[in-house]
């Protein structure tokens, strides 16, 4: 990934604004809040490191944690298609709050949407079942 998208998002400052706006929403969201820790400080820090790298900035996440391996790192969390869609909705709101222009937002969401849906590991309706097997459910297009 080239650094062009990273710079279009505002670089470090822009990514930080997006992450802060996103986690303010997560803290109040009844769909996503249950799978996040009470204190979102470290989660937000990791998200900042990851998004910086994901959008073409410095490889901050890999420097600290190694390869992202997102699916493996998220498998322990019950992520349904509904939760993935909600994550994308809140992230889109965060982009708007951070003042990211619509064209840049759409470029970013081409990548974010694929990634969010790749994290899905349970079907809708299984979010509250702690014994639901983590797998790759069939997603309708």
C-alpha atoms as a PDB file:
ATOM      1  CA  UNK A   1       0.000   0.000   0.000  1.00  0.00           C
ATOM      2  CA  UNK A   2       1.379   3.377  -0.942  1.00  0.00           C
ATOM      3  CA  UNK A   3       1.506   6.226   1.529  1.00  0.00           C
ATOM      4  CA  UNK A   4      -0.907   8.247  -0.617  1.00  0.00           C
ATOM      5  CA  UNK A   5      -4.041   7.124   1.264  1.00  0.00           C
ATOM      6  CA  UNK A   6      -2.318   7.599   4.624  1.00  0.00           C
ATOM      7  CA  UNK A   7      -1.511  11.203   3.710  1.00  0.00           C
ATOM      8  CA  UNK A   8      -5.003  11.811   2.267  1.00  0.00           C
ATOM      9  CA  UNK A   9      -6.419  10.718   5.639  1.00  0.00           C
ATOM     10  CA  UNK A  10      -4.310  13.367   7.362  1.00  0.00           C
ATOM     11  CA  UNK A  11      -1.396  11.187   8.420  1.00  0.00           C
ATOM     12  CA  UNK A  12      -0.873  10.614  12.129  1.00  0.00           C
ATOM     13  CA  UNK A  13      -3.245  13.409  13.161  1.00  0.00           C
ATOM     14  CA  UNK A  14      -6.043  12.214  10.897  1.00  0.00           C
ATOM     15  CA  UNK A  15      -5.741   8.578  11.956  1.00  0.00           C
ATOM     16  CA  UNK A  16      -5.718   9.611  15.610  1.00  0.00           C
ATOM     17  CA  UNK A  17      -8.913  11.669  15.120  1.00  0.00           C
ATOM     18  CA  UNK A  18     -10.621   8.727  13.412  1.00  0.00           C
ATOM     19  CA  UNK A  19      -9.643   6.298  16.178  1.00  0.00           C
ATOM     20  CA  UNK A  20     -10.731   8.647  18.972  1.00  0.00           C
ATOM     21  CA  UNK A  21     -14.097   9.311  17.299  1.00  0.00           C
ATOM     22  CA  UNK A  22     -14.606   5.597  16.666  1.00  0.00           C
ATOM     23  CA  UNK A  23     -13.941   4.455  20.234  1.00  0.00           C
ATOM     24  CA  UNK A  24     -16.192   7.148  21.706  1.00  0.00           C
ATOM     25  CA  UNK A  25     -18.947   5.491  19.709  1.00  0.00           C
ATOM     26  CA  UNK A  26     -17.951   1.926  20.607  1.00  0.00           C
ATOM     27  CA  UNK A  27     -18.072   2.805  24.323  1.00  0.00           C
ATOM     28  CA  UNK A  28     -21.785   3.604  23.968  1.00  0.00           C
ATOM     29  CA  UNK A  29     -22.830   1.050  21.364  1.00  0.00           C
ATOM     30  CA  UNK A  30     -25.024  -1.850  22.535  1.00  0.00           C
ATOM     31  CA  UNK A  31     -23.953  -4.087  19.630  1.00  0.00           C
ATOM     32  CA  UNK A  32     -20.175  -3.666  19.838  1.00  0.00           C
ATOM     33  CA  UNK A  33     -19.509  -2.685  23.439  1.00  0.00           C
ATOM     34  CA  UNK A  34     -19.974  -6.264  24.770  1.00  0.00           C
ATOM     35  CA  UNK A  35     -16.924  -7.565  22.880  1.00  0.00           C
ATOM     36  CA  UNK A  36     -14.602  -4.731  23.883  1.00  0.00           C
ATOM     37  CA  UNK A  37     -12.826  -4.223  27.210  1.00  0.00           C
ATOM     38  CA  UNK A  38     -14.193  -1.696  29.686  1.00  0.00           C
ATOM     39  CA  UNK A  39     -11.075   0.442  29.317  1.00  0.00           C
ATOM     40  CA  UNK A  40     -10.569   1.127  25.616  1.00  0.00           C
ATOM     41  CA  UNK A  41      -7.220   2.908  25.982  1.00  0.00           C
ATOM     42  CA  UNK A  42      -4.995   0.034  24.869  1.00  0.00           C
ATOM     43  CA  UNK A  43      -7.459  -1.120  22.229  1.00  0.00           C
ATOM     44  CA  UNK A  44      -7.517   2.376  20.713  1.00  0.00           C
ATOM     45  CA  UNK A  45      -3.729   2.558  20.812  1.00  0.00           C
ATOM     46  CA  UNK A  46      -3.439  -0.737  18.922  1.00  0.00           C
ATOM     47  CA  UNK A  47      -6.075   0.392  16.425  1.00  0.00           C
ATOM     48  CA  UNK A  48      -4.095   3.583  15.797  1.00  0.00           C
ATOM     49  CA  UNK A  49      -0.916   1.564  15.194  1.00  0.00           C
ATOM     50  CA  UNK A  50      -2.738  -0.834  12.902  1.00  0.00           C
ATOM     51  CA  UNK A  51      -4.642   1.747  10.848  1.00  0.00           C
ATOM     52  CA  UNK A  52      -1.492   3.796  10.394  1.00  0.00           C
ATOM     53  CA  UNK A  53       0.156   0.758   8.802  1.00  0.00           C
ATOM     54  CA  UNK A  54      -3.001  -0.481   7.029  1.00  0.00           C
ATOM     55  CA  UNK A  55      -3.419   2.811   5.192  1.00  0.00           C
ATOM     56  CA  UNK A  56       0.200   3.065   4.053  1.00  0.00           C
ATOM     57  CA  UNK A  57       1.912   4.878   6.905  1.00  0.00           C
ATOM     58  CA  UNK A  58       4.808   3.616   9.015  1.00  0.00           C
ATOM     59  CA  UNK A  59       4.621  -0.076  10.004  1.00  0.00           C
ATOM     60  CA  UNK A  60       3.993   0.783  13.655  1.00  0.00           C
ATOM     61  CA  UNK A  61       1.821  -2.233  14.422  1.00  0.00           C
ATOM     62  CA  UNK A  62       4.224  -4.797  12.997  1.00  0.00           C
ATOM     63  CA  UNK A  63       7.171  -3.143  14.731  1.00  0.00           C
ATOM     64  CA  UNK A  64       5.513  -3.726  18.102  1.00  0.00           C
ATOM     65  CA  UNK A  65       3.401  -6.855  17.621  1.00  0.00           C
ATOM     66  CA  UNK A  66       4.658  -8.611  14.500  1.00  0.00           C
ATOM     67  CA  UNK A  67       2.442  -9.491  11.557  1.00  0.00           C
ATOM     68  CA  UNK A  68      -1.135  -8.287  12.071  1.00  0.00           C
ATOM     69  CA  UNK A  69      -2.748 -11.739  11.577  1.00  0.00           C
ATOM     70  CA  UNK A  70      -6.111 -10.052  12.099  1.00  0.00           C
ATOM     71  CA  UNK A  71      -8.364 -13.065  11.744  1.00  0.00           C
ATOM     72  CA  UNK A  72      -6.350 -15.118  14.221  1.00  0.00           C
ATOM     73  CA  UNK A  73      -6.181 -12.237  16.697  1.00  0.00           C
ATOM     74  CA  UNK A  74      -9.950 -11.665  16.498  1.00  0.00           C
ATOM     75  CA  UNK A  75     -11.108 -15.286  16.536  1.00  0.00           C
ATOM     76  CA  UNK A  76     -11.702 -15.254  20.298  1.00  0.00           C
ATOM     77  CA  UNK A  77     -14.319 -12.510  19.909  1.00  0.00           C
ATOM     78  CA  UNK A  78     -17.833 -13.420  18.708  1.00  0.00           C
ATOM     79  CA  UNK A  79     -18.050 -11.368  15.515  1.00  0.00           C
ATOM     80  CA  UNK A  80     -21.249 -11.793  13.529  1.00  0.00           C
ATOM     81  CA  UNK A  81     -22.110 -10.189  10.196  1.00  0.00           C
ATOM     82  CA  UNK A  82     -24.285  -7.751  12.166  1.00  0.00           C
ATOM     83  CA  UNK A  83     -21.343  -6.749  14.363  1.00  0.00           C
ATOM     84  CA  UNK A  84     -19.056  -6.371  11.343  1.00  0.00           C
ATOM     85  CA  UNK A  85     -21.616  -4.115   9.656  1.00  0.00           C
ATOM     86  CA  UNK A  86     -22.018  -2.094  12.849  1.00  0.00           C
ATOM     87  CA  UNK A  87     -18.229  -1.722  13.144  1.00  0.00           C
ATOM     88  CA  UNK A  88     -18.222  -0.325   9.608  1.00  0.00           C
ATOM     89  CA  UNK A  89     -21.112   2.047  10.390  1.00  0.00           C
ATOM     90  CA  UNK A  90     -19.362   3.462  13.444  1.00  0.00           C
ATOM     91  CA  UNK A  91     -16.087   3.727  11.562  1.00  0.00           C
ATOM     92  CA  UNK A  92     -17.830   5.622   8.751  1.00  0.00           C
ATOM     93  CA  UNK A  93     -19.288   8.027  11.328  1.00  0.00           C
ATOM     94  CA  UNK A  94     -15.813   8.463  12.807  1.00  0.00           C
ATOM     95  CA  UNK A  95     -14.378   9.295   9.379  1.00  0.00           C
ATOM     96  CA  UNK A  96     -17.072  11.947   8.935  1.00  0.00           C
ATOM     97  CA  UNK A  97     -16.449  13.410  12.395  1.00  0.00           C
ATOM     98  CA  UNK A  98     -12.717  13.514  11.662  1.00  0.00           C
ATOM     99  CA  UNK A  99     -13.441  15.570   8.551  1.00  0.00           C
ATOM    100  CA  UNK A 100     -12.266  13.009   6.004  1.00  0.00           C
ATOM    101  CA  UNK A 101     -13.593  13.905   2.563  1.00  0.00           C
ATOM    102  CA  UNK A 102     -16.085  11.488   0.954  1.00  0.00           C
ATOM    103  CA  UNK A 103     -13.796  10.352  -1.887  1.00  0.00           C
ATOM    104  CA  UNK A 104     -10.993   9.446   0.523  1.00  0.00           C
ATOM    105  CA  UNK A 105     -13.493   7.742   2.820  1.00  0.00           C
ATOM    106  CA  UNK A 106     -14.700   5.560  -0.051  1.00  0.00           C
ATOM    107  CA  UNK A 107     -11.142   4.554  -0.944  1.00  0.00           C
ATOM    108  CA  UNK A 108     -10.466   3.616   2.667  1.00  0.00           C
ATOM    109  CA  UNK A 109     -13.721   1.671   2.918  1.00  0.00           C
ATOM    110  CA  UNK A 110     -12.853  -0.477  -0.074  1.00  0.00           C
ATOM    111  CA  UNK A 111     -10.188  -1.990   2.187  1.00  0.00           C
ATOM    112  CA  UNK A 112     -12.003  -1.711   5.524  1.00  0.00           C
ATOM    113  CA  UNK A 113     -15.135  -3.505   4.317  1.00  0.00           C
ATOM    114  CA  UNK A 114     -13.229  -6.562   3.102  1.00  0.00           C
ATOM    115  CA  UNK A 115     -11.253  -6.677   6.329  1.00  0.00           C
ATOM    116  CA  UNK A 116     -14.288  -6.278   8.604  1.00  0.00           C
ATOM    117  CA  UNK A 117     -16.196  -9.037   6.844  1.00  0.00           C
ATOM    118  CA  UNK A 118     -13.151 -11.314   7.002  1.00  0.00           C
ATOM    119  CA  UNK A 119     -13.337 -11.094  10.825  1.00  0.00           C
ATOM    120  CA  UNK A 120     -16.813 -12.677  10.924  1.00  0.00           C
ATOM    121  CA  UNK A 121     -16.679 -15.985  12.804  1.00  0.00           C
ATOM    122  CA  UNK A 122     -20.264 -16.652  13.937  1.00  0.00           C
ATOM    123  CA  UNK A 123     -23.693 -16.250  12.406  1.00  0.00           C
ATOM    124  CA  UNK A 124     -26.114 -13.493  13.320  1.00  0.00           C
ATOM    125  CA  UNK A 125     -28.043 -14.492  16.434  1.00  0.00           C
ATOM    126  CA  UNK A 126     -25.140 -16.420  17.989  1.00  0.00           C
ATOM    127  CA  UNK A 127     -23.575 -13.368  19.657  1.00  0.00           C
ATOM    128  CA  UNK A 128     -24.818 -14.318  23.121  1.00  0.00           C
ATOM    129  CA  UNK A 129     -23.928 -18.015  22.896  1.00  0.00           C
ATOM    130  CA  UNK A 130     -20.514 -18.509  24.544  1.00  0.00           C
ATOM    131  CA  UNK A 131     -20.371 -22.045  23.117  1.00  0.00           C
ATOM    132  CA  UNK A 132     -20.994 -20.993  19.524  1.00  0.00           C
ATOM    133  CA  UNK A 133     -18.130 -22.398  17.468  1.00  0.00           C
ATOM    134  CA  UNK A 134     -15.896 -19.811  15.867  1.00  0.00           C
ATOM    135  CA  UNK A 135     -15.868 -20.510  12.171  1.00  0.00           C
ATOM    136  CA  UNK A 136     -16.309 -18.843   8.842  1.00  0.00           C
ATOM    137  CA  UNK A 137     -20.103 -18.618   8.342  1.00  0.00           C
ATOM    138  CA  UNK A 138     -21.567 -18.411   4.881  1.00  0.00           C
ATOM    139  CA  UNK A 139     -22.174 -14.777   4.011  1.00  0.00           C
ATOM    140  CA  UNK A 140     -24.759 -13.772   1.470  1.00  0.00           C
ATOM    141  CA  UNK A 141     -23.389 -11.346  -1.117  1.00  0.00           C
END
